[in-house]
C-alpha atoms as a PDB file:
ATOM      1  CA  MET A   1      20.516  56.100  56.011  1.00  0.00           C
ATOM      2  CA  ALA A   2      21.312  53.113  58.259  1.00  0.00           C
ATOM      3  CA  ALA A   3      18.501  50.903  59.354  1.00  0.00           C
ATOM      4  CA  GLU A   4      17.605  51.208  63.051  1.00  0.00           C
ATOM      5  CA  PRO A   5      18.532  48.074  64.954  1.00  0.00           C
ATOM      6  CA  GLN A   6      15.563  45.968  65.928  1.00  0.00           C
ATOM      7  CA  SER A   7      15.033  45.501  69.625  1.00  0.00           C
ATOM      8  CA  ARG A   8      15.336  42.004  70.820  1.00  0.00           C
ATOM      9  CA  LYS A   9      12.306  40.171  72.290  1.00  0.00           C
ATOM     10  CA  THR A  10      12.169  39.556  75.967  1.00  0.00           C
ATOM     11  CA  VAL A  11      11.024  35.980  76.715  1.00  0.00           C
ATOM     12  CA  ASN A  12      10.397  34.444  80.153  1.00  0.00           C
ATOM     13  CA  LEU A  13      11.667  30.884  80.570  1.00  0.00           C
ATOM     14  CA  PHE A  14      10.335  28.783  83.510  1.00  0.00           C
ATOM     15  CA  VAL A  15      11.941  25.530  84.150  1.00  0.00           C
ATOM     16  CA  ASP A  16      11.696  22.524  86.438  1.00  0.00           C
ATOM     17  CA  GLY A  17      13.508  19.087  86.576  1.00  0.00           C
ATOM     18  CA  VAL A  18      12.916  16.134  88.863  1.00  0.00           C
ATOM     19  CA  ALA A  19      14.337  12.683  89.189  1.00  0.00           C
ATOM     20  CA  ASN A  20      13.855   9.537  91.326  1.00  0.00           C
ATOM     21  CA  GLU A  21      15.627   6.133  91.367  1.00  0.00           C
ATOM     22  CA  THR A  22      14.519   5.110  87.885  1.00  0.00           C
ATOM     23  CA  THR A  23      13.588   8.230  85.854  1.00  0.00           C
ATOM     24  CA  GLY A  24      13.683  11.911  85.617  1.00  0.00           C
ATOM     25  CA  ALA A  25      11.482  14.564  83.926  1.00  0.00           C
ATOM     26  CA  TRP A  26      12.040  18.046  82.728  1.00  0.00           C
ATOM     27  CA  ALA A  27       9.696  20.826  81.749  1.00  0.00           C
ATOM     28  CA  CYS A  28       9.685  24.422  80.617  1.00  0.00           C
ATOM     29  CA  VAL A  29       7.251  27.155  79.719  1.00  0.00           C
ATOM     30  CA  LEU A  30       8.264  29.944  77.319  1.00  0.00           C
ATOM     31  CA  GLU A  31       6.196  33.100  77.687  1.00  0.00           C
ATOM     32  CA  PHE A  32       6.267  36.021  75.208  1.00  0.00           C
ATOM     33  CA  GLY A  33       3.581  38.697  74.505  1.00  0.00           C
ATOM     34  CA  GLY A  34       0.711  36.816  76.041  1.00  0.00           C
ATOM     35  CA  HIS A  35       1.642  33.529  74.323  1.00  0.00           C
ATOM     36  CA  GLN A  36       2.915  30.385  76.032  1.00  0.00           C
ATOM     37  CA  LYS A  37       4.663  27.268  74.807  1.00  0.00           C
ATOM     38  CA  GLU A  38       4.960  24.332  77.036  1.00  0.00           C
ATOM     39  CA  MET A  39       7.463  21.395  76.593  1.00  0.00           C
ATOM     40  CA  GLU A  40       8.250  18.437  78.696  1.00  0.00           C
ATOM     41  CA  GLY A  41      10.007  15.041  78.519  1.00  0.00           C
ATOM     42  CA  HIS A  42      11.494  12.250  80.493  1.00  0.00           C
ATOM     43  CA  MET A  43      14.674  10.136  80.640  1.00  0.00           C
ATOM     44  CA  ALA A  44      15.825   7.052  82.508  1.00  0.00           C
ATOM     45  CA  GLY A  45      18.814   7.077  84.810  1.00  0.00           C
ATOM     46  CA  THR A  46      19.341  10.652  85.472  1.00  0.00           C
ATOM     47  CA  ASN A  47      19.250  13.194  88.244  1.00  0.00           C
ATOM     48  CA  PRO A  48      17.415  16.556  89.069  1.00  0.00           C
ATOM     49  CA  THR A  49      20.292  18.841  88.039  1.00  0.00           C
ATOM     50  CA  ARG A  50      20.571  17.150  84.535  1.00  0.00           C
ATOM     51  CA  MET A  51      16.789  17.539  84.100  1.00  0.00           C
ATOM     52  CA  GLU A  52      16.888  21.278  85.071  1.00  0.00           C
ATOM     53  CA  ILE A  53      19.755  21.870  82.756  1.00  0.00           C
ATOM     54  CA  PHE A  54      18.022  19.967  79.973  1.00  0.00           C
ATOM     55  CA  ALA A  55      14.842  22.081  80.402  1.00  0.00           C
ATOM     56  CA  VAL A  56      16.861  25.266  79.853  1.00  0.00           C
ATOM     57  CA  ILE A  57      18.604  23.862  76.855  1.00  0.00           C
ATOM     58  CA  SER A  58      15.275  22.821  75.407  1.00  0.00           C
ATOM     59  CA  GLY A  59      13.683  26.073  76.023  1.00  0.00           C
ATOM     60  CA  LEU A  60      16.505  28.147  74.568  1.00  0.00           C
ATOM     61  CA  GLY A  61      16.620  25.759  71.663  1.00  0.00           C
ATOM     62  CA  ALA A  62      13.012  26.519  70.850  1.00  0.00           C
ATOM     63  CA  LEU A  63      13.674  30.122  70.333  1.00  0.00           C
ATOM     64  CA  LYS A  64      13.800  30.974  66.671  1.00  0.00           C
ATOM     65  CA  GLU A  65      15.966  34.266  67.029  1.00  0.00           C
ATOM     66  CA  PRO A  66      18.253  35.925  69.600  1.00  0.00           C
ATOM     67  CA  CYS A  67      16.283  37.030  72.575  1.00  0.00           C
ATOM     68  CA  ASP A  68      16.692  38.512  76.026  1.00  0.00           C
ATOM     69  CA  VAL A  69      15.643  35.710  78.301  1.00  0.00           C
ATOM     70  CA  CYS A  70      14.532  35.826  81.913  1.00  0.00           C
ATOM     71  CA  LEU A  71      15.169  32.370  83.229  1.00  0.00           C
ATOM     72  CA  TYR A  72      13.239  31.506  86.452  1.00  0.00           C
ATOM     73  CA  THR A  73      14.551  28.488  88.384  1.00  0.00           C
ATOM     74  CA  LYS A  74      14.874  27.068  91.821  1.00  0.00           C
ATOM     75  CA  SER A  75      18.081  25.289  90.818  1.00  0.00           C
ATOM     76  CA  MET A  76      21.205  26.536  92.655  1.00  0.00           C
ATOM     77  CA  PRO A  77      23.522  24.911  89.989  1.00  0.00           C
ATOM     78  CA  LEU A  78      21.771  26.972  87.261  1.00  0.00           C
ATOM     79  CA  ASN A  79      21.878  30.048  89.491  1.00  0.00           C
ATOM     80  CA  ARG A  80      25.684  29.584  89.917  1.00  0.00           C
ATOM     81  CA  ALA A  81      26.247  28.885  86.300  1.00  0.00           C
ATOM     82  CA  PHE A  82      24.769  32.159  85.279  1.00  0.00           C
ATOM     83  CA  ASN A  83      24.921  34.480  88.240  1.00  0.00           C
ATOM     84  CA  ALA A  84      28.376  33.423  89.493  1.00  0.00           C
ATOM     85  CA  ARG A  85      29.632  33.052  85.962  1.00  0.00           C
ATOM     86  CA  GLY A  86      30.231  29.436  86.068  1.00  0.00           C
ATOM     87  CA  LEU A  87      29.548  29.023  82.352  1.00  0.00           C
ATOM     88  CA  GLU A  88      32.297  31.570  81.701  1.00  0.00           C
ATOM     89  CA  ILE A  89      34.746  30.413  84.262  1.00  0.00           C
ATOM     90  CA  TRP A  90      34.511  26.478  83.945  1.00  0.00           C
ATOM     91  CA  PRO A  91      35.876  26.237  80.391  1.00  0.00           C
ATOM     92  CA  THR A  92      38.970  28.313  81.535  1.00  0.00           C
ATOM     93  CA  THR A  93      39.689  25.928  84.340  1.00  0.00           C
ATOM     94  CA  GLY A  94      39.327  22.693  82.362  1.00  0.00           C
ATOM     95  CA  TRP A  95      35.741  22.279  83.699  1.00  0.00           C
ATOM     96  CA  THR A  96      36.942  22.059  87.308  1.00  0.00           C
ATOM     97  CA  HIS A  97      35.895  23.829  90.447  1.00  0.00           C
ATOM     98  CA  LYS A  98      38.240  25.973  92.599  1.00  0.00           C
ATOM     99  CA  ASP A  99      39.064  22.965  94.711  1.00  0.00           C
ATOM    100  CA  GLY A 100      40.062  20.972  91.471  1.00  0.00           C
ATOM    101  CA  THR A 101      36.994  18.713  91.513  1.00  0.00           C
ATOM    102  CA  PRO A 102      35.444  18.146  88.109  1.00  0.00           C
ATOM    103  CA  VAL A 103      32.277  20.071  87.201  1.00  0.00           C
ATOM    104  CA  GLU A 104      29.454  17.428  87.277  1.00  0.00           C
ATOM    105  CA  GLU A 105      27.175  17.314  84.245  1.00  0.00           C
ATOM    106  CA  ARG A 106      29.853  18.848  82.025  1.00  0.00           C
ATOM    107  CA  ASP A 107      28.352  17.453  78.912  1.00  0.00           C
ATOM    108  CA  LEU A 108      25.122  19.345  79.387  1.00  0.00           C
ATOM    109  CA  TRP A 109      26.828  22.544  80.762  1.00  0.00           C
ATOM    110  CA  GLN A 110      28.829  22.633  77.488  1.00  0.00           C
ATOM    111  CA  ILE A 111      25.755  22.296  75.384  1.00  0.00           C
ATOM    112  CA  LEU A 112      23.989  25.019  77.553  1.00  0.00           C
ATOM    113  CA  LYS A 113      26.959  27.279  77.049  1.00  0.00           C
ATOM    114  CA  LEU A 114      26.618  26.940  73.300  1.00  0.00           C
ATOM    115  CA  GLN A 115      22.828  27.223  73.331  1.00  0.00           C
ATOM    116  CA  SER A 116      22.928  30.435  75.421  1.00  0.00           C
ATOM    117  CA  ARG A 117      25.569  32.166  73.341  1.00  0.00           C
ATOM    118  CA  LYS A 118      23.006  33.835  70.935  1.00  0.00           C
ATOM    119  CA  HIS A 119      20.815  34.931  73.801  1.00  0.00           C
ATOM    120  CA  THR A 120      21.203  37.269  76.836  1.00  0.00           C
ATOM    121  CA  VAL A 121      20.090  35.211  79.696  1.00  0.00           C
ATOM    122  CA  LYS A 122      19.291  36.698  83.099  1.00  0.00           C
ATOM    123  CA  CYS A 123      18.866  33.975  85.783  1.00  0.00           C
ATOM    124  CA  LEU A 124      16.337  34.752  88.523  1.00  0.00           C
ATOM    125  CA  TYR A 125      16.633  32.279  91.434  1.00  0.00           C
ATOM    126  CA  PHE A 126      13.552  31.632  93.624  1.00  0.00           C
ATOM    127  CA  SER A 127      13.701  29.342  96.553  1.00  0.00           C
ATOM    128  CA  ASP A 128       9.885  29.446  97.020  1.00  0.00           C
ATOM    129  CA  PHE A 129       9.068  28.241  93.474  1.00  0.00           C
ATOM    130  CA  LYS A 130       5.437  27.794  94.369  1.00  0.00           C
ATOM    131  CA  LYS A 131       4.721  31.603  94.280  1.00  0.00           C
ATOM    132  CA  LEU A 132       5.120  31.748  90.443  1.00  0.00           C
ATOM    133  CA  PRO A 133       2.161  30.239  88.545  1.00  0.00           C
ATOM    134  CA  LEU A 134       4.214  29.209  85.559  1.00  0.00           C
ATOM    135  CA  ASN A 135       6.794  27.481  87.804  1.00  0.00           C
ATOM    136  CA  ARG A 136       3.929  25.520  89.356  1.00  0.00           C
ATOM    137  CA  ARG A 137       2.803  24.596  85.843  1.00  0.00           C
ATOM    138  CA  CYS A 138       6.351  23.236  85.065  1.00  0.00           C
ATOM    139  CA  THR A 139       6.005  21.067  88.202  1.00  0.00           C
ATOM    140  CA  GLU A 140       2.686  19.759  86.928  1.00  0.00           C
ATOM    141  CA  LEU A 141       4.298  18.968  83.491  1.00  0.00           C
ATOM    142  CA  THR A 142       7.179  17.118  85.047  1.00  0.00           C
ATOM    143  CA  ALA A 143       4.721  14.991  87.103  1.00  0.00           C
ATOM    144  CA  ALA A 144       2.776  14.214  83.985  1.00  0.00           C
ATOM    145  CA  ALA A 145       6.085  13.301  82.176  1.00  0.00           C
ATOM    146  CA  ILE A 146       7.088  10.811  84.957  1.00  0.00           C
ATOM    147  CA  GLY A 147       3.505   9.407  84.736  1.00  0.00           C
ATOM    148  CA  GLU A 148       3.965   8.936  81.036  1.00  0.00           C
ATOM    149  CA  TYR A 149       7.286   7.333  81.504  1.00  0.00           C
ATOM    150  CA  VAL A 150       5.756   4.843  84.032  1.00  0.00           C
ATOM    151  CA  ARG A 151       2.827   4.126  81.711  1.00  0.00           C
ATOM    152  CA  ILE A 152       4.927   3.274  78.679  1.00  0.00           C
ATOM    153  CA  ASN A 153       7.434   1.221  80.602  1.00  0.00           C
ATOM    154  CA  THR A 154       5.159  -0.828  82.671  1.00  0.00           C
ATOM    155  CA  VAL A 155       3.571  -4.123  81.561  1.00  0.00           C
ATOM    156  CA  PRO A 156      -0.066  -4.103  82.482  1.00  0.00           C
ATOM    157  CA  GLU A 157      -1.160  -6.780  85.083  1.00  0.00           C
ATOM    158  CA  ASP A 158      -3.757  -8.187  82.633  1.00  0.00           C
ATOM    159  CA  ALA A 159      -1.219  -8.606  79.814  1.00  0.00           C
ATOM    160  CA  GLU A 160      -1.071 -12.016  78.415  1.00  0.00           C
ATOM    161  CA  VAL A 161       2.425 -13.590  78.366  1.00  0.00           C
ATOM    162  CA  TYR A 162       2.697 -16.620  76.312  1.00  0.00           C
ATOM    163  CA  GLN A 163       4.975 -19.595  77.250  1.00  0.00           C
ATOM    164  CA  GLU A 164       6.964 -19.253  74.080  1.00  0.00           C
ATOM    165  CA  ASP A 165       7.907 -15.603  75.049  1.00  0.00           C
ATOM    166  CA  ILE A 166       9.596 -16.823  78.186  1.00  0.00           C
ATOM    167  CA  PRO A 167      13.073 -18.391  77.528  1.00  0.00           C
ATOM    168  CA  ASP A 168      13.622 -21.899  78.850  1.00  0.00           C
ATOM    169  CA  GLU A 169      16.544 -22.354  81.177  1.00  0.00           C
ATOM    170  CA  ASP A 170      17.667 -25.319  79.097  1.00  0.00           C
ATOM    171  CA  ASP A 171      17.893 -23.102  76.019  1.00  0.00           C
ATOM    172  CA  ASP A 172      20.812 -21.232  77.595  1.00  0.00           C
ATOM    173  CA  LYS A 173      22.744 -24.453  78.014  1.00  0.00           C
ATOM    174  CA  GLN A 174      22.769 -25.340  74.307  1.00  0.00           C
END
């Protein structure tokens, strides 16, 4: 007698990504069976799309087994990648759009394509992100991640700087 196939778990994945002139942050919340897992991080020199993609990669990467994933996003690029089949089409066109322009963030799209292979991902696009509590939570997490980046990359005003720590202009001439 053959074993019955086990049904896959359905996991909700909420993501957000933000960036300013100096840094970006990503966050995701995985939800399954009343449990939640939150993840966030920051990077220098990035953009919001990269952060959104990175949030999805991180969320999918945290799953320990193949799952049916409902991805909630406000990102049009992610929406197009999944719902307009960009992740399927771009590799066949040499990672270019119909007009011949290169697909931006190709490196992360390629990782996302690999990461999503073992899962079934259904992308749900919401322009009014604030209506979903866990999407609001992602926004809070990205704000905290930006704050953490600023904290660890800012010299406090009361920090003592010793003269020997400052290079002398004459040292450069020698």
